[in-house]
Amino acid sequence: MTEREARIAFNMIPTVGAVAVDRLARAAGGSVAEAYARFPEKRDWEGREPAWERELEQAAKSNVRILTAEDDDYPPLLLEIASPPLALYVVGEVSALSRAAVALIGTRGATAYGRDTAEKFACGLAQRGWCVLSGLARGVDTAAHRGALVGGGVTVGVLGGALDRFYPEENRGLAREMVEKGGCVASEFPFGRAPDPQTFPQRNRVVAGLSRGVVAVECPAHSGTLITCMRAAEQGRAVMAVPGRIDCRNSDGCLRLIRDGARMVTCVDDVVEELSSLPELARPASGGTAAAAPSETAGKAVRKPPPAPPEAKISADEAAVLRCVPEEGVGADAVVRATGFGAARVNALLMGLRLKGRLLFLPGNRVATRKTF
């Protein structure tokens, strides 16, 4: 077994992630293959020993590339996040995963305003050479992918289940068109893994990790979109949100993000300006290809991202969360238990406190209070 094959096999075991594999490999003299040989509980999603050889055969028959950190074309941005996917299953142009990209995200139940805005933003970004990322879900995601194609650009979809368990079915044709026009569809889940409530949050961290920044187009107050934004903030990505009507439930999440310090964007120029302020930004070169390059504002007065207000107001719920988070850090699940709030609510509160500069995000889904404010 090679190191690459060992990573693919480990990826089929749901109880093991990249952090654990690295720890096991260190204990095995630096070899992932040796760590796999020693690992006692080899059970896949269905309780069977991972058939990694059959996995490779199925990938070859299905024209699917499986990328691991052992491969040169594994997306470099994903290696920066706390727990990068052990394996990525990709249909289409693998290099699209390494292009300078913006994630456009939002609710499945989008209004006409949300769908139209997502399509316009995606079209404009694609015309400027940016790759558009999203999750191939209904609503905002679908509109974002379609807008990128209308703009003649490349778009990447990250699924919340395995490639052979495609969901939603009505977007299969859209996915095929994305691949035909130079993009790709990717998943970290092994063949046969159906999407469920646990897989979508995992997918969200990959969407954030592949992007230079995320734009929340339209989402309610309790939405998976806020989890993606929290992951993006944790990973050092730009977090942006489109404003909406104050009397529309689908705008609540975006308005909350803006209140808590996310950049308000009302046009493509706003998004490009925010991304241009990021350090060491790999921006699209002429012709729409991604290339390492200095910021578009190099040599000029660089616009700094808007800082969080120095005395940002803290809500009663946020104060309750802060009381549960020590300087040395604690897991987000412990905050859920201590506060009694739901996981989605805690994630949203943690995101707001991060944007207000009150919390630090640590590897392993842990948070800590800052020593000084």
Protein backbone atom coordinates (compact mmCIF):
# COMPACT_ATOMS: atom_id res chain seq x y z
CA MET A 1 0.00 0.00 0.00
CA THR A 2 1.31 3.44 -0.97
CA GLU A 3 0.94 6.60 1.11
CA ARG A 4 -1.68 7.83 -1.34
CA GLU A 5 -3.68 4.61 -1.14
CA ALA A 6 -3.52 4.73 2.65
CA ARG A 7 -5.04 8.22 2.68
CA ILE A 8 -7.85 7.05 0.42
CA ALA A 9 -8.47 4.06 2.69
CA PHE A 10 -8.47 6.23 5.82
CA ASN A 11 -10.93 8.59 4.11
CA MET A 12 -13.39 5.71 3.95
CA ILE A 13 -13.39 5.44 7.76
CA PRO A 14 -15.86 8.04 9.12
CA THR A 15 -14.28 8.24 12.56
CA VAL A 16 -10.88 9.39 11.27
CA GLY A 17 -9.95 12.79 9.89
CA ALA A 18 -6.79 14.47 8.63
CA VAL A 19 -5.66 15.59 12.09
CA ALA A 20 -5.95 12.06 13.48
CA VAL A 21 -4.19 10.56 10.46
CA ASP A 22 -1.27 12.96 10.86
CA ARG A 23 -1.00 11.99 14.54
CA LEU A 24 -1.16 8.28 13.71
CA ALA A 25 1.43 8.68 10.97
CA ARG A 26 3.85 10.42 13.34
CA ALA A 27 3.47 7.55 15.77
CA ALA A 28 4.19 5.14 12.92
CA GLY A 29 7.47 6.75 11.95
CA GLY A 30 5.97 9.23 9.52
CA SER A 31 4.23 6.67 7.30
CA VAL A 32 0.50 6.89 6.60
CA ALA A 33 0.58 3.39 5.12
CA GLU A 34 2.12 1.98 8.28
CA ALA A 35 -0.41 3.89 10.37
CA TYR A 36 -3.22 2.29 8.38
CA ALA A 37 -1.70 -1.16 8.80
CA ARG A 38 -1.65 -0.64 12.58
CA PHE A 39 -5.11 0.93 12.83
CA PRO A 40 -7.42 -1.50 14.69
CA GLU A 41 -10.94 -0.31 13.80
CA LYS A 42 -11.08 -0.40 9.99
CA ARG A 43 -14.79 0.13 9.32
CA ASP A 44 -16.39 2.18 6.57
CA TRP A 45 -19.79 3.94 6.59
CA GLU A 46 -21.56 0.58 6.38
CA GLY A 47 -19.47 -1.15 9.06
CA ARG A 48 -17.30 -3.10 6.62
CA GLU A 49 -13.56 -3.07 6.06
CA PRO A 50 -12.76 -0.32 3.54
CA ALA A 51 -12.44 -1.81 0.05
CA TRP A 52 -9.97 0.82 -1.12
CA GLU A 53 -8.80 -1.21 -4.13
CA ARG A 54 -12.37 -1.44 -5.41
CA GLU A 55 -12.71 2.30 -4.75
CA LEU A 56 -9.79 2.99 -7.09
CA GLU A 57 -11.25 0.67 -9.73
CA GLN A 58 -14.62 2.39 -9.58
CA ALA A 59 -12.95 5.80 -9.89
CA ALA A 60 -11.06 4.68 -13.00
CA LYS A 61 -14.24 3.30 -14.59
CA SER A 62 -16.19 6.48 -13.76
CA ASN A 63 -13.51 8.88 -15.01
CA VAL A 64 -13.11 10.26 -11.49
CA ARG A 65 -9.82 11.59 -10.18
CA ILE A 66 -9.11 11.00 -6.48
CA LEU A 67 -6.74 13.62 -5.09
CA THR A 68 -4.82 13.39 -1.83
CA ALA A 69 -2.12 15.50 -0.25
CA GLU A 70 0.36 13.18 -1.97
CA ASP A 71 -0.73 14.57 -5.37
CA ASP A 72 0.81 17.71 -6.86
CA ASP A 73 -2.57 18.99 -8.04
CA TYR A 74 -4.27 18.77 -4.64
CA PRO A 75 -5.69 22.30 -4.07
CA PRO A 76 -3.04 24.24 -2.10
CA LEU A 77 -5.59 26.41 -0.27
CA LEU A 78 -7.15 23.32 1.30
CA LEU A 79 -3.82 22.42 2.86
CA GLU A 80 -4.09 25.66 4.88
CA ILE A 81 -7.26 24.66 6.76
CA ALA A 82 -7.31 22.82 10.07
CA SER A 83 -8.59 19.51 8.71
CA PRO A 84 -8.19 19.25 4.94
CA PRO A 85 -10.02 16.40 3.19
CA LEU A 86 -8.00 13.20 3.15
CA ALA A 87 -9.29 12.62 -0.38
CA LEU A 88 -11.17 14.62 -2.99
CA TYR A 89 -13.17 12.87 -5.70
CA VAL A 90 -13.29 15.07 -8.79
CA VAL A 91 -15.13 14.93 -12.10
CA GLY A 92 -13.96 17.45 -14.66
CA GLU A 93 -11.00 19.81 -14.77
CA VAL A 94 -8.96 19.26 -11.62
CA SER A 95 -7.02 22.52 -12.08
CA ALA A 96 -10.28 24.46 -11.54
CA LEU A 97 -9.94 23.65 -7.83
CA SER A 98 -6.75 25.73 -7.65
CA ARG A 99 -8.07 28.81 -9.42
CA ALA A 100 -8.67 32.07 -7.57
CA ALA A 101 -12.25 31.60 -6.47
CA VAL A 102 -15.17 33.28 -4.74
CA ALA A 103 -17.89 31.26 -3.00
CA LEU A 104 -21.46 32.49 -3.50
CA ILE A 105 -23.70 30.81 -0.95
CA GLY A 106 -27.20 31.08 0.45
CA THR A 107 -30.51 29.46 1.20
CA ARG A 108 -32.11 26.69 -0.83
CA GLY A 109 -35.44 28.49 -0.49
CA ALA A 110 -34.22 31.64 -2.22
CA THR A 111 -36.58 34.40 -3.30
CA ALA A 112 -36.55 35.79 -6.82
CA TYR A 113 -34.35 38.61 -5.46
CA GLY A 114 -31.84 36.11 -4.04
CA ARG A 115 -31.65 34.05 -7.21
CA ASP A 116 -31.34 37.11 -9.42
CA THR A 117 -28.63 38.65 -7.22
CA ALA A 118 -26.63 35.43 -7.10
CA GLU A 119 -26.77 35.08 -10.87
CA LYS A 120 -25.74 38.69 -11.48
CA PHE A 121 -22.83 38.53 -9.03
CA ALA A 122 -21.64 35.21 -10.45
CA CYS A 123 -21.86 36.44 -14.01
CA GLY A 124 -19.88 39.59 -13.21
CA LEU A 125 -17.22 37.72 -11.26
CA ALA A 126 -16.84 35.13 -14.02
CA GLN A 127 -16.41 37.87 -16.61
CA ARG A 128 -13.55 39.24 -14.52
CA GLY A 129 -11.82 35.87 -14.45
CA TRP A 130 -12.87 34.61 -11.02
CA CYS A 131 -13.91 31.01 -10.52
CA VAL A 132 -17.32 30.79 -8.82
CA LEU A 133 -17.73 28.19 -6.08
CA SER A 134 -20.90 26.86 -4.54
CA GLY A 135 -22.58 23.69 -3.31
CA LEU A 136 -24.82 22.74 -6.27
CA ALA A 137 -27.86 22.92 -3.99
CA ARG A 138 -31.19 24.41 -4.96
CA GLY A 139 -31.77 28.15 -4.73
CA VAL A 140 -28.78 30.48 -4.43
CA ASP A 141 -26.21 27.80 -5.31
CA THR A 142 -27.98 26.87 -8.55
CA ALA A 143 -28.29 30.53 -9.55
CA ALA A 144 -24.60 31.15 -8.82
CA HIS A 145 -23.44 28.25 -10.99
CA ARG A 146 -25.76 29.29 -13.83
CA GLY A 147 -24.63 32.90 -13.61
CA ALA A 148 -20.98 31.88 -13.90
CA LEU A 149 -21.78 29.87 -17.02
CA VAL A 150 -23.70 32.80 -18.50
CA GLY A 151 -20.62 34.94 -17.85
CA GLY A 152 -18.47 32.51 -19.80
CA GLY A 153 -16.49 31.50 -16.72
CA VAL A 154 -15.53 28.44 -14.76
CA THR A 155 -17.54 27.21 -11.81
CA VAL A 156 -16.93 24.49 -9.23
CA GLY A 157 -19.55 22.59 -7.26
CA VAL A 158 -18.82 20.81 -3.98
CA LEU A 159 -21.32 18.10 -3.09
CA GLY A 160 -22.65 17.14 0.32
CA GLY A 161 -22.55 13.44 -0.60
CA ALA A 162 -20.65 11.07 -2.87
CA LEU A 163 -20.42 11.68 -6.60
CA ASP A 164 -22.47 8.54 -7.26
CA ARG A 165 -25.15 9.73 -4.83
CA PHE A 166 -25.72 13.02 -6.63
CA TYR A 167 -28.14 15.40 -4.93
CA PRO A 168 -30.34 17.18 -5.90
CA GLU A 169 -31.16 15.15 -8.99
CA GLU A 170 -32.56 18.14 -10.91
CA ASN A 171 -29.09 19.72 -10.96
CA ARG A 172 -27.39 16.78 -12.66
CA GLY A 173 -27.69 18.47 -16.07
CA LEU A 174 -26.25 21.69 -14.63
CA ALA A 175 -23.31 19.75 -13.19
CA ARG A 176 -22.66 18.15 -16.56
CA GLU A 177 -22.61 21.57 -18.24
CA MET A 178 -20.21 22.91 -15.59
CA VAL A 179 -17.79 20.07 -16.36
CA GLU A 180 -18.14 20.51 -20.12
CA LYS A 181 -17.21 24.19 -19.80
CA GLY A 182 -13.98 23.71 -17.87
CA GLY A 183 -15.19 23.45 -14.29
CA CYS A 184 -15.59 20.45 -12.04
CA VAL A 185 -17.70 18.78 -9.40
CA ALA A 186 -15.94 17.54 -6.25
CA SER A 187 -16.73 15.60 -3.10
CA GLU A 188 -14.67 14.35 -0.18
CA PHE A 189 -17.04 11.43 0.40
CA PRO A 190 -16.27 7.90 -0.83
CA PHE A 191 -18.53 6.17 -3.32
CA GLY A 192 -21.86 5.14 -1.86
CA ARG A 193 -21.97 7.79 0.88
CA ALA A 194 -25.42 9.37 0.72
CA PRO A 195 -25.86 12.98 1.88
CA ASP A 196 -27.26 13.51 5.37
CA PRO A 197 -27.34 16.26 8.04
CA GLN A 198 -23.71 15.50 9.01
CA THR A 199 -22.23 15.64 5.52
CA PHE A 200 -23.41 19.12 4.58
CA PRO A 201 -21.49 20.98 7.33
CA GLN A 202 -18.41 19.03 6.26
CA ARG A 203 -19.03 20.15 2.69
CA ASN A 204 -19.34 23.75 3.85
CA ARG A 205 -15.82 23.85 5.26
CA VAL A 206 -14.47 22.67 1.87
CA VAL A 207 -16.42 25.38 0.02
CA ALA A 208 -14.94 27.99 2.36
CA GLY A 209 -11.48 26.43 2.20
CA LEU A 210 -11.29 26.48 -1.60
CA SER A 211 -12.27 30.16 -1.79
CA ARG A 212 -10.53 33.47 -1.23
CA GLY A 213 -13.74 34.81 0.20
CA VAL A 214 -17.41 33.96 0.66
CA VAL A 215 -20.46 36.04 -0.19
CA ALA A 216 -23.68 35.27 1.66
CA VAL A 217 -26.33 36.26 -0.88
CA GLU A 218 -29.53 35.45 0.99
CA CYS A 219 -30.15 33.38 4.10
CA PRO A 220 -32.38 33.26 7.19
CA ALA A 221 -31.04 33.66 10.71
CA HIS A 222 -30.61 29.91 11.31
CA SER A 223 -28.94 28.67 8.17
CA GLY A 224 -26.07 26.46 7.07
CA THR A 225 -24.81 29.51 5.22
CA LEU A 226 -23.79 31.02 8.55
CA ILE A 227 -21.78 27.88 9.32
CA THR A 228 -19.93 28.31 6.03
CA CYS A 229 -19.23 31.95 6.91
CA MET A 230 -17.94 30.91 10.31
CA ARG A 231 -15.64 28.36 8.68
CA ALA A 232 -14.44 31.02 6.24
CA ALA A 233 -13.64 33.43 9.08
CA GLU A 234 -11.84 30.64 10.92
CA GLN A 235 -9.77 29.94 7.81
CA GLY A 236 -8.85 33.60 7.28
CA ARG A 237 -11.09 34.12 4.23
CA ALA A 238 -13.00 37.32 3.52
CA VAL A 239 -16.62 37.25 4.70
CA MET A 240 -19.14 39.36 2.78
CA ALA A 241 -22.92 39.62 2.75
CA VAL A 242 -25.56 41.13 0.47
CA PRO A 243 -28.16 43.26 2.28
CA GLY A 244 -31.87 42.58 1.86
CA ARG A 245 -35.25 43.80 3.04
CA ILE A 246 -35.52 44.15 6.80
CA ASP A 247 -39.00 42.59 6.73
CA CYS A 248 -37.90 39.51 4.77
CA ARG A 249 -37.01 36.39 6.77
CA ASN A 250 -34.51 35.36 4.10
CA SER A 251 -32.49 38.51 4.77
CA ASP A 252 -32.10 38.00 8.52
CA GLY A 253 -28.86 36.04 8.31
CA CYS A 254 -27.16 38.44 5.91
CA LEU A 255 -28.20 41.48 7.92
CA ARG A 256 -26.86 39.84 11.07
CA LEU A 257 -23.52 39.14 9.37
CA ILE A 258 -23.27 42.78 8.29
CA ARG A 259 -24.16 43.96 11.80
CA ASP A 260 -21.43 41.75 13.22
CA GLY A 261 -18.70 43.05 10.92
CA ALA A 262 -18.94 41.26 7.59
CA ARG A 263 -18.34 43.49 4.56
CA MET A 264 -21.59 44.65 3.00
CA VAL A 265 -21.46 44.19 -0.77
CA THR A 266 -24.02 45.51 -3.21
CA CYS A 267 -22.21 44.92 -6.51
CA VAL A 268 -19.37 42.95 -8.05
CA ASP A 269 -17.01 45.92 -7.62
CA ASP A 270 -17.48 45.69 -3.83
CA VAL A 271 -16.51 42.00 -3.86
CA VAL A 272 -13.42 42.58 -6.00
CA GLU A 273 -12.36 45.50 -3.80
CA GLU A 274 -12.64 43.38 -0.66
CA LEU A 275 -10.68 40.52 -2.20
CA SER A 276 -8.01 42.92 -3.48
CA SER A 277 -7.26 43.98 0.08
CA LEU A 278 -6.28 40.46 1.12
CA PRO A 279 -2.55 39.79 1.61
CA GLU A 280 -0.79 37.50 -0.86
CA LEU A 281 -3.89 37.32 -3.00
CA ALA A 282 -3.74 35.04 -6.02
CA ARG A 283 -5.99 37.06 -8.31
CA PRO A 284 -7.20 36.16 -11.80
CA ALA A 285 -4.71 37.08 -14.51
CA SER A 286 -5.78 38.34 -17.92
CA GLY A 287 -7.58 35.62 -19.83
CA GLY A 288 -9.27 34.35 -16.68
CA THR A 289 -6.58 31.98 -15.41
CA ALA A 290 -5.51 31.99 -11.80
CA ALA A 291 -1.96 33.10 -11.14
CA ALA A 292 0.02 34.08 -8.10
CA ALA A 293 0.26 37.84 -8.22
CA PRO A 294 0.42 40.84 -5.94
CA SER A 295 -2.75 42.58 -4.94
CA GLU A 296 -4.48 44.65 -7.60
CA THR A 297 -3.77 47.67 -5.43
CA ALA A 298 -0.02 47.07 -5.25
CA GLY A 299 1.86 50.37 -5.45
CA LYS A 300 -1.23 52.28 -4.38
CA ALA A 301 -2.82 53.05 -1.05
CA VAL A 302 -4.25 49.67 -0.14
CA ARG A 303 -7.76 49.75 1.20
CA LYS A 304 -7.91 47.95 4.53
CA PRO A 305 -10.89 45.77 5.39
CA PRO A 306 -13.31 47.58 7.68
CA PRO A 307 -12.31 46.79 11.28
CA ALA A 308 -14.80 45.59 13.79
CA PRO A 309 -16.12 48.48 15.89
CA PRO A 310 -13.77 49.05 18.84
CA GLU A 311 -16.66 48.84 21.24
CA ALA A 312 -18.98 46.50 19.38
CA LYS A 313 -22.11 45.83 21.34
CA ILE A 314 -22.48 42.34 22.79
CA SER A 315 -25.92 40.80 23.03
CA ALA A 316 -27.11 38.84 26.05
CA ASP A 317 -26.73 35.56 24.12
CA GLU A 318 -23.23 36.51 23.01
CA ALA A 319 -22.31 37.34 26.60
CA ALA A 320 -23.58 33.91 27.65
CA VAL A 321 -21.32 32.30 25.06
CA LEU A 322 -18.29 34.35 26.12
CA ARG A 323 -18.74 33.21 29.71
CA CYS A 324 -18.32 29.62 28.50
CA VAL A 325 -15.12 30.23 26.51
CA PRO A 326 -11.80 30.40 28.42
CA GLU A 327 -8.53 31.84 27.10
CA GLU A 328 -7.07 28.36 26.64
CA GLY A 329 -9.94 27.38 24.35
CA VAL A 330 -12.86 24.97 24.34
CA GLY A 331 -14.69 22.88 21.76
CA ALA A 332 -17.76 24.38 20.11
CA ASP A 333 -19.80 21.35 21.22
CA ALA A 334 -18.96 22.20 24.83
CA VAL A 335 -20.37 25.69 24.29
CA VAL A 336 -23.58 24.13 22.98
CA ARG A 337 -23.89 22.01 26.13
CA ALA A 338 -22.99 24.84 28.50
CA THR A 339 -25.39 27.41 27.03
CA GLY A 340 -28.25 25.11 26.13
CA PHE A 341 -28.52 26.85 22.76
CA GLY A 342 -28.87 24.80 19.60
CA ALA A 343 -25.77 24.06 17.50
CA ALA A 344 -26.88 26.36 14.67
CA ARG A 345 -27.49 29.20 17.13
CA VAL A 346 -24.11 28.72 18.79
CA ASN A 347 -22.35 28.65 15.42
CA ALA A 348 -23.99 31.94 14.46
CA LEU A 349 -23.06 33.53 17.80
CA LEU A 350 -19.46 32.32 17.55
CA MET A 351 -19.27 33.75 14.06
CA GLY A 352 -20.52 37.14 15.26
CA LEU A 353 -18.06 37.19 18.16
CA ARG A 354 -15.22 36.24 15.81
CA LEU A 355 -16.09 39.12 13.49
CA LYS A 356 -16.28 41.49 16.47
CA GLY A 357 -12.77 40.47 17.48
CA ARG A 358 -13.85 38.84 20.72
CA LEU A 359 -12.94 35.26 19.86
CA LEU A 360 -10.14 33.34 18.20
CA PHE A 361 -10.78 30.19 16.19
CA LEU A 362 -8.39 27.31 16.82
CA PRO A 363 -7.80 24.02 14.98
CA GLY A 364 -10.12 21.17 15.85
CA ASN A 365 -13.32 23.27 15.93
CA ARG A 366 -12.19 25.01 19.13
CA VAL A 367 -12.61 28.64 20.14
CA ALA A 368 -10.83 30.84 22.67
CA THR A 369 -11.28 34.33 24.04
CA ARG A 370 -8.70 36.94 23.12
CA LYS A 371 -6.34 38.05 25.88
CA THR A 372 -6.86 41.70 25.03
CA PHE A 373 -9.67 43.53 23.29
